[in-house]
Amino acid sequence: MTCWRRLAEWTKAGVWPRLHEVLLAQLRGANALDFSPAAVDGSHIRALEGEPRRDEALSTGVGRAANIT
């Protein structure tokens, strides 16, 4: 129970974002970050506004896509 209570207290106090900032600053200062193999992917992010309305959806055009093979 103590672990859960401490986790809740630290989360409420903002410990985790601050710890993240400190660790990133130290890694940057030591030139120990290499983002060259990194990729950005937003597919796991929840859509807060829901699905786009029909008037907001981009049209893909009529018919099939061209075969490029």
PDB file of N, CA and C in Angstrom:
ATOM      1  N   MET A   1       0.823  -1.196   0.000  1.00  0.00           N
ATOM      2  CA  MET A   1       0.000   0.000   0.000  1.00  0.00           C
ATOM      3  C   MET A   1       0.867   1.259   0.000  1.00  0.00           C
ATOM      4  N   THR A   2       1.994   1.196   0.686  1.00  0.00           N
ATOM      5  CA  THR A   2       2.882   2.356   0.734  1.00  0.00           C
ATOM      6  C   THR A   2       3.395   2.715  -0.652  1.00  0.00           C
ATOM      7  N   CYS A   3       3.731   1.707  -1.442  1.00  0.00           N
ATOM      8  CA  CYS A   3       4.224   1.955  -2.802  1.00  0.00           C
ATOM      9  C   CYS A   3       3.188   2.693  -3.638  1.00  0.00           C
ATOM     10  N   TRP A   4       1.932   2.243  -3.573  1.00  0.00           N
ATOM     11  CA  TRP A   4       0.876   2.887  -4.337  1.00  0.00           C
ATOM     12  C   TRP A   4       0.657   4.319  -3.873  1.00  0.00           C
ATOM     13  N   ARG A   5       0.705   4.525  -2.570  1.00  0.00           N
ATOM     14  CA  ARG A   5       0.508   5.871  -2.021  1.00  0.00           C
ATOM     15  C   ARG A   5       1.634   6.804  -2.481  1.00  0.00           C
ATOM     16  N   ARG A   6       2.870   6.315  -2.410  1.00  0.00           N
ATOM     17  CA  ARG A   6       4.008   7.143  -2.847  1.00  0.00           C
ATOM     18  C   ARG A   6       3.929   7.444  -4.340  1.00  0.00           C
ATOM     19  N   LEU A   7       3.575   6.436  -5.132  1.00  0.00           N
ATOM     20  CA  LEU A   7       3.432   6.649  -6.569  1.00  0.00           C
ATOM     21  C   LEU A   7       2.391   7.729  -6.849  1.00  0.00           C
ATOM     22  N   ALA A   8       1.269   7.670  -6.170  1.00  0.00           N
ATOM     23  CA  ALA A   8       0.217   8.677  -6.337  1.00  0.00           C
ATOM     24  C   ALA A   8       0.704  10.059  -5.897  1.00  0.00           C
ATOM     25  N   GLU A   9       1.428  10.129  -4.782  1.00  0.00           N
ATOM     26  CA  GLU A   9       1.947  11.412  -4.294  1.00  0.00           C
ATOM     27  C   GLU A   9       2.944  12.004  -5.273  1.00  0.00           C
ATOM     28  N   TRP A  10       3.851  11.179  -5.769  1.00  0.00           N
ATOM     29  CA  TRP A  10       4.876  11.662  -6.707  1.00  0.00           C
ATOM     30  C   TRP A  10       4.254  12.093  -8.022  1.00  0.00           C
ATOM     31  N   THR A  11       3.237  11.352  -8.459  1.00  0.00           N
ATOM     32  CA  THR A  11       2.561  11.718  -9.693  1.00  0.00           C
ATOM     33  C   THR A  11       1.857  13.058  -9.521  1.00  0.00           C
ATOM     34  N   LYS A  12       1.155  13.230  -8.416  1.00  0.00           N
ATOM     35  CA  LYS A  12       0.457  14.489  -8.139  1.00  0.00           C
ATOM     36  C   LYS A  12       1.442  15.652  -8.019  1.00  0.00           C
ATOM     37  N   ALA A  13       2.623  15.387  -7.480  1.00  0.00           N
ATOM     38  CA  ALA A  13       3.631  16.429  -7.291  1.00  0.00           C
ATOM     39  C   ALA A  13       4.404  16.751  -8.567  1.00  0.00           C
ATOM     40  N   GLY A  14       4.167  15.987  -9.635  1.00  0.00           N
ATOM     41  CA  GLY A  14       4.850  16.269 -10.902  1.00  0.00           C
ATOM     42  C   GLY A  14       6.268  15.748 -10.970  1.00  0.00           C
ATOM     43  N   VAL A  15       6.583  14.723 -10.180  1.00  0.00           N
ATOM     44  CA  VAL A  15       7.947  14.181 -10.139  1.00  0.00           C
ATOM     45  C   VAL A  15       8.353  13.584 -11.479  1.00  0.00           C
ATOM     46  N   TRP A  16       7.467  12.835 -12.133  1.00  0.00           N
ATOM     47  CA  TRP A  16       7.851  12.091 -13.338  1.00  0.00           C
ATOM     48  C   TRP A  16       8.208  12.999 -14.506  1.00  0.00           C
ATOM     49  N   PRO A  17       7.431  14.026 -14.831  1.00  0.00           N
ATOM     50  CA  PRO A  17       7.856  14.916 -15.925  1.00  0.00           C
ATOM     51  C   PRO A  17       9.167  15.640 -15.603  1.00  0.00           C
ATOM     52  N   ARG A  18       9.335  16.032 -14.349  1.00  0.00           N
ATOM     53  CA  ARG A  18      10.573  16.717 -13.961  1.00  0.00           C
ATOM     54  C   ARG A  18      11.769  15.775 -14.057  1.00  0.00           C
ATOM     55  N   LEU A  19      11.598  14.525 -13.610  1.00  0.00           N
ATOM     56  CA  LEU A  19      12.661  13.532 -13.719  1.00  0.00           C
ATOM     57  C   LEU A  19      13.033  13.300 -15.183  1.00  0.00           C
ATOM     58  N   HIS A  20      12.027  13.249 -16.037  1.00  0.00           N
ATOM     59  CA  HIS A  20      12.264  13.082 -17.474  1.00  0.00           C
ATOM     60  C   HIS A  20      13.089  14.243 -18.025  1.00  0.00           C
ATOM     61  N   GLU A  21      12.739  15.468 -17.641  1.00  0.00           N
ATOM     62  CA  GLU A  21      13.476  16.651 -18.087  1.00  0.00           C
ATOM     63  C   GLU A  21      14.936  16.606 -17.624  1.00  0.00           C
ATOM     64  N   VAL A  22      15.154  16.247 -16.368  1.00  0.00           N
ATOM     65  CA  VAL A  22      16.513  16.197 -15.815  1.00  0.00           C
ATOM     66  C   VAL A  22      17.347  15.143 -16.539  1.00  0.00           C
ATOM     67  N   LEU A  23      16.776  13.956 -16.735  1.00  0.00           N
ATOM     68  CA  LEU A  23      17.520  12.900 -17.423  1.00  0.00           C
ATOM     69  C   LEU A  23      17.852  13.288 -18.856  1.00  0.00           C
ATOM     70  N   LEU A  24      16.891  13.883 -19.569  1.00  0.00           N
ATOM     71  CA  LEU A  24      17.172  14.320 -20.933  1.00  0.00           C
ATOM     72  C   LEU A  24      18.257  15.393 -20.961  1.00  0.00           C
ATOM     73  N   ALA A  25      18.218  16.324 -20.020  1.00  0.00           N
ATOM     74  CA  ALA A  25      19.240  17.373 -19.962  1.00  0.00           C
ATOM     75  C   ALA A  25      20.622  16.774 -19.732  1.00  0.00           C
ATOM     76  N   GLN A  26      20.708  15.793 -18.842  1.00  0.00           N
ATOM     77  CA  GLN A  26      22.002  15.160 -18.586  1.00  0.00           C
ATOM     78  C   GLN A  26      22.500  14.386 -19.799  1.00  0.00           C
ATOM     79  N   LEU A  27      21.605  13.673 -20.455  1.00  0.00           N
ATOM     80  CA  LEU A  27      22.000  12.924 -21.651  1.00  0.00           C
ATOM     81  C   LEU A  27      22.421  13.866 -22.775  1.00  0.00           C
ATOM     82  N   ARG A  28      21.693  14.965 -22.938  1.00  0.00           N
ATOM     83  CA  ARG A  28      22.081  15.943 -23.963  1.00  0.00           C
ATOM     84  C   ARG A  28      23.437  16.557 -23.633  1.00  0.00           C
ATOM     85  N   GLY A  29      23.639  16.872 -22.356  1.00  0.00           N
ATOM     86  CA  GLY A  29      24.910  17.457 -21.923  1.00  0.00           C
ATOM     87  C   GLY A  29      26.087  16.529 -22.151  1.00  0.00           C
ATOM     88  N   ALA A  30      25.858  15.234 -22.061  1.00  0.00           N
ATOM     89  CA  ALA A  30      26.920  14.249 -22.278  1.00  0.00           C
ATOM     90  C   ALA A  30      26.982  13.813 -23.738  1.00  0.00           C
ATOM     91  N   ASN A  31      26.175  14.454 -24.597  1.00  0.00           N
ATOM     92  CA  ASN A  31      26.099  14.099 -26.012  1.00  0.00           C
ATOM     93  C   ASN A  31      25.835  12.596 -26.179  1.00  0.00           C
ATOM     94  N   ALA A  32      24.927  12.069 -25.364  1.00  0.00           N
ATOM     95  CA  ALA A  32      24.647  10.637 -25.348  1.00  0.00           C
ATOM     96  C   ALA A  32      23.319  10.275 -26.002  1.00  0.00           C
ATOM     97  N   LEU A  33      22.701  11.243 -26.676  1.00  0.00           N
ATOM     98  CA  LEU A  33      21.445  10.947 -27.370  1.00  0.00           C
ATOM     99  C   LEU A  33      21.700  10.835 -28.859  1.00  0.00           C
ATOM    100  N   ASP A  34      21.183   9.783 -29.457  1.00  0.00           N
ATOM    101  CA  ASP A  34      21.300   9.578 -30.894  1.00  0.00           C
ATOM    102  C   ASP A  34      19.913   9.293 -31.441  1.00  0.00           C
ATOM    103  N   PHE A  35      19.332  10.279 -32.105  1.00  0.00           N
ATOM    104  CA  PHE A  35      17.985  10.129 -32.644  1.00  0.00           C
ATOM    105  C   PHE A  35      17.984   9.653 -34.091  1.00  0.00           C
ATOM    106  N   SER A  36      19.149   9.338 -34.650  1.00  0.00           N
ATOM    107  CA  SER A  36      19.196   8.939 -36.055  1.00  0.00           C
ATOM    108  C   SER A  36      18.379   7.681 -36.359  1.00  0.00           C
ATOM    109  N   PRO A  37      18.302   6.678 -35.460  1.00  0.00           N
ATOM    110  CA  PRO A  37      17.480   5.517 -35.800  1.00  0.00           C
ATOM    111  C   PRO A  37      16.017   5.676 -35.374  1.00  0.00           C
ATOM    112  N   ALA A  38      15.629   6.860 -34.900  1.00  0.00           N
ATOM    113  CA  ALA A  38      14.283   7.064 -34.368  1.00  0.00           C
ATOM    114  C   ALA A  38      13.273   7.312 -35.482  1.00  0.00           C
ATOM    115  N   ALA A  39      12.021   6.963 -35.201  1.00  0.00           N
ATOM    116  CA  ALA A  39      10.913   7.224 -36.113  1.00  0.00           C
ATOM    117  C   ALA A  39       9.752   7.767 -35.294  1.00  0.00           C
ATOM    118  N   VAL A  40       8.997   8.672 -35.881  1.00  0.00           N
ATOM    119  CA  VAL A  40       7.848   9.251 -35.197  1.00  0.00           C
ATOM    120  C   VAL A  40       6.589   8.586 -35.739  1.00  0.00           C
ATOM    121  N   ASP A  41       5.753   8.121 -34.836  1.00  0.00           N
ATOM    122  CA  ASP A  41       4.528   7.436 -35.231  1.00  0.00           C
ATOM    123  C   ASP A  41       3.409   7.877 -34.301  1.00  0.00           C
ATOM    124  N   GLY A  42       2.392   8.477 -34.853  1.00  0.00           N
ATOM    125  CA  GLY A  42       1.279   8.948 -34.037  1.00  0.00           C
ATOM    126  C   GLY A  42       0.084   8.022 -34.058  1.00  0.00           C
ATOM    127  N   SER A  43       0.236   6.820 -34.571  1.00  0.00           N
ATOM    128  CA  SER A  43      -0.918   5.938 -34.704  1.00  0.00           C
ATOM    129  C   SER A  43      -1.456   5.464 -33.364  1.00  0.00           C
ATOM    130  N   HIS A  44      -0.682   5.585 -32.304  1.00  0.00           N
ATOM    131  CA  HIS A  44      -1.142   5.140 -30.992  1.00  0.00           C
ATOM    132  C   HIS A  44      -1.832   6.250 -30.200  1.00  0.00           C
ATOM    133  N   ILE A  45      -1.912   7.448 -30.765  1.00  0.00           N
ATOM    134  CA  ILE A  45      -2.493   8.584 -30.057  1.00  0.00           C
ATOM    135  C   ILE A  45      -4.002   8.607 -30.285  1.00  0.00           C
ATOM    136  N   ARG A  46      -4.740   8.717 -29.206  1.00  0.00           N
ATOM    137  CA  ARG A  46      -6.197   8.729 -29.251  1.00  0.00           C
ATOM    138  C   ARG A  46      -6.703  10.008 -29.906  1.00  0.00           C
ATOM    139  N   ALA A  47      -7.700   9.883 -30.759  1.00  0.00           N
ATOM    140  CA  ALA A  47      -8.317  11.041 -31.406  1.00  0.00           C
ATOM    141  C   ALA A  47      -9.295  11.683 -30.428  1.00  0.00           C
ATOM    142  N   LEU A  48      -8.951  12.834 -29.896  1.00  0.00           N
ATOM    143  CA  LEU A  48      -9.778  13.487 -28.888  1.00  0.00           C
ATOM    144  C   LEU A  48     -11.058  14.079 -29.472  1.00  0.00           C
ATOM    145  N   GLU A  49     -11.029  14.455 -30.710  1.00  0.00           N
ATOM    146  CA  GLU A  49     -12.196  15.074 -31.333  1.00  0.00           C
ATOM    147  C   GLU A  49     -13.047  14.054 -32.080  1.00  0.00           C
ATOM    148  N   GLY A  50     -12.692  12.808 -32.047  1.00  0.00           N
ATOM    149  CA  GLY A  50     -13.458  11.795 -32.763  1.00  0.00           C
ATOM    150  C   GLY A  50     -13.092  11.747 -34.230  1.00  0.00           C
ATOM    151  N   GLU A  51     -13.886  11.017 -34.989  1.00  0.00           N
ATOM    152  CA  GLU A  51     -13.636  10.883 -36.412  1.00  0.00           C
ATOM    153  C   GLU A  51     -13.927  12.195 -37.122  1.00  0.00           C
ATOM    154  N   PRO A  52     -13.203  12.451 -38.217  1.00  0.00           N
ATOM    155  CA  PRO A  52     -13.472  13.697 -38.949  1.00  0.00           C
ATOM    156  C   PRO A  52     -14.856  13.662 -39.586  1.00  0.00           C
ATOM    157  N   ARG A  53     -15.456  14.824 -39.667  1.00  0.00           N
ATOM    158  CA  ARG A  53     -16.749  14.914 -40.353  1.00  0.00           C
ATOM    159  C   ARG A  53     -16.535  14.708 -41.839  1.00  0.00           C
ATOM    160  N   ARG A  54     -17.600  14.353 -42.552  1.00  0.00           N
ATOM    161  CA  ARG A  54     -17.467  14.084 -43.990  1.00  0.00           C
ATOM    162  C   ARG A  54     -16.918  15.288 -44.741  1.00  0.00           C
ATOM    163  N   ASP A  55     -17.281  16.498 -44.335  1.00  0.00           N
ATOM    164  CA  ASP A  55     -16.799  17.677 -45.048  1.00  0.00           C
ATOM    165  C   ASP A  55     -15.328  17.970 -44.732  1.00  0.00           C
ATOM    166  N   GLU A  56     -14.772  17.326 -43.691  1.00  0.00           N
ATOM    167  CA  GLU A  56     -13.360  17.518 -43.349  1.00  0.00           C
ATOM    168  C   GLU A  56     -12.464  16.437 -43.948  1.00  0.00           C
ATOM    169  N   ALA A  57     -13.062  15.316 -44.358  1.00  0.00           N
ATOM    170  CA  ALA A  57     -12.267  14.210 -44.881  1.00  0.00           C
ATOM    171  C   ALA A  57     -11.736  14.569 -46.263  1.00  0.00           C
ATOM    172  N   LEU A  58     -10.480  14.265 -46.508  1.00  0.00           N
ATOM    173  CA  LEU A  58      -9.884  14.525 -47.805  1.00  0.00           C
ATOM    174  C   LEU A  58     -10.338  13.455 -48.792  1.00  0.00           C
ATOM    175  N   SER A  59     -10.667  13.884 -49.978  1.00  0.00           N
ATOM    176  CA  SER A  59     -11.088  12.953 -51.006  1.00  0.00           C
ATOM    177  C   SER A  59      -9.874  12.252 -51.582  1.00  0.00           C
ATOM    178  N   THR A  60     -10.016  10.964 -51.822  1.00  0.00           N
ATOM    179  CA  THR A  60      -8.929  10.222 -52.456  1.00  0.00           C
ATOM    180  C   THR A  60      -9.158  10.102 -53.947  1.00  0.00           C
ATOM    181  N   GLY A  61     -10.226  10.696 -54.454  1.00  0.00           N
ATOM    182  CA  GLY A  61     -10.507  10.655 -55.885  1.00  0.00           C
ATOM    183  C   GLY A  61     -11.373   9.465 -56.257  1.00  0.00           C
ATOM    184  N   VAL A  62     -11.790   9.464 -57.499  1.00  0.00           N
ATOM    185  CA  VAL A  62     -12.663   8.413 -58.001  1.00  0.00           C
ATOM    186  C   VAL A  62     -11.809   7.328 -58.642  1.00  0.00           C
ATOM    187  N   GLY A  63     -12.176   6.085 -58.419  1.00  0.00           N
ATOM    188  CA  GLY A  63     -11.487   4.990 -59.094  1.00  0.00           C
ATOM    189  C   GLY A  63     -10.321   4.454 -58.296  1.00  0.00           C
ATOM    190  N   ARG A  64      -9.644   3.500 -58.897  1.00  0.00           N
ATOM    191  CA  ARG A  64      -8.521   2.839 -58.240  1.00  0.00           C
ATOM    192  C   ARG A  64      -7.237   3.620 -58.410  1.00  0.00           C
ATOM    193  N   ALA A  65      -6.314   3.391 -57.532  1.00  0.00           N
ATOM    194  CA  ALA A  65      -5.007   4.024 -57.632  1.00  0.00           C
ATOM    195  C   ALA A  65      -4.233   3.387 -58.776  1.00  0.00           C
ATOM    196  N   ALA A  66      -3.335   4.148 -59.338  1.00  0.00           N
ATOM    197  CA  ALA A  66      -2.506   3.645 -60.438  1.00  0.00           C
ATOM    198  C   ALA A  66      -1.578   2.546 -59.935  1.00  0.00           C
ATOM    199  N   ASN A  67      -1.372   1.555 -60.761  1.00  0.00           N
ATOM    200  CA  ASN A  67      -0.468   0.450 -60.426  1.00  0.00           C
ATOM    201  C   ASN A  67       0.935   0.887 -60.817  1.00  0.00           C
ATOM    202  N   ILE A  68       1.850   0.923 -59.866  1.00  0.00           N
ATOM    203  CA  ILE A  68       3.215   1.381 -60.156  1.00  0.00           C
ATOM    204  C   ILE A  68       4.221   0.236 -60.241  1.00  0.00           C
ATOM    205  N   THR A  69       3.720  -0.992 -60.259  1.00  0.00           N
ATOM    206  CA  THR A  69       4.647  -2.127 -60.345  1.00  0.00           C
ATOM    207  C   THR A  69       4.774  -2.626 -61.753  1.00  0.00           C
TER     208      THR A  69
END
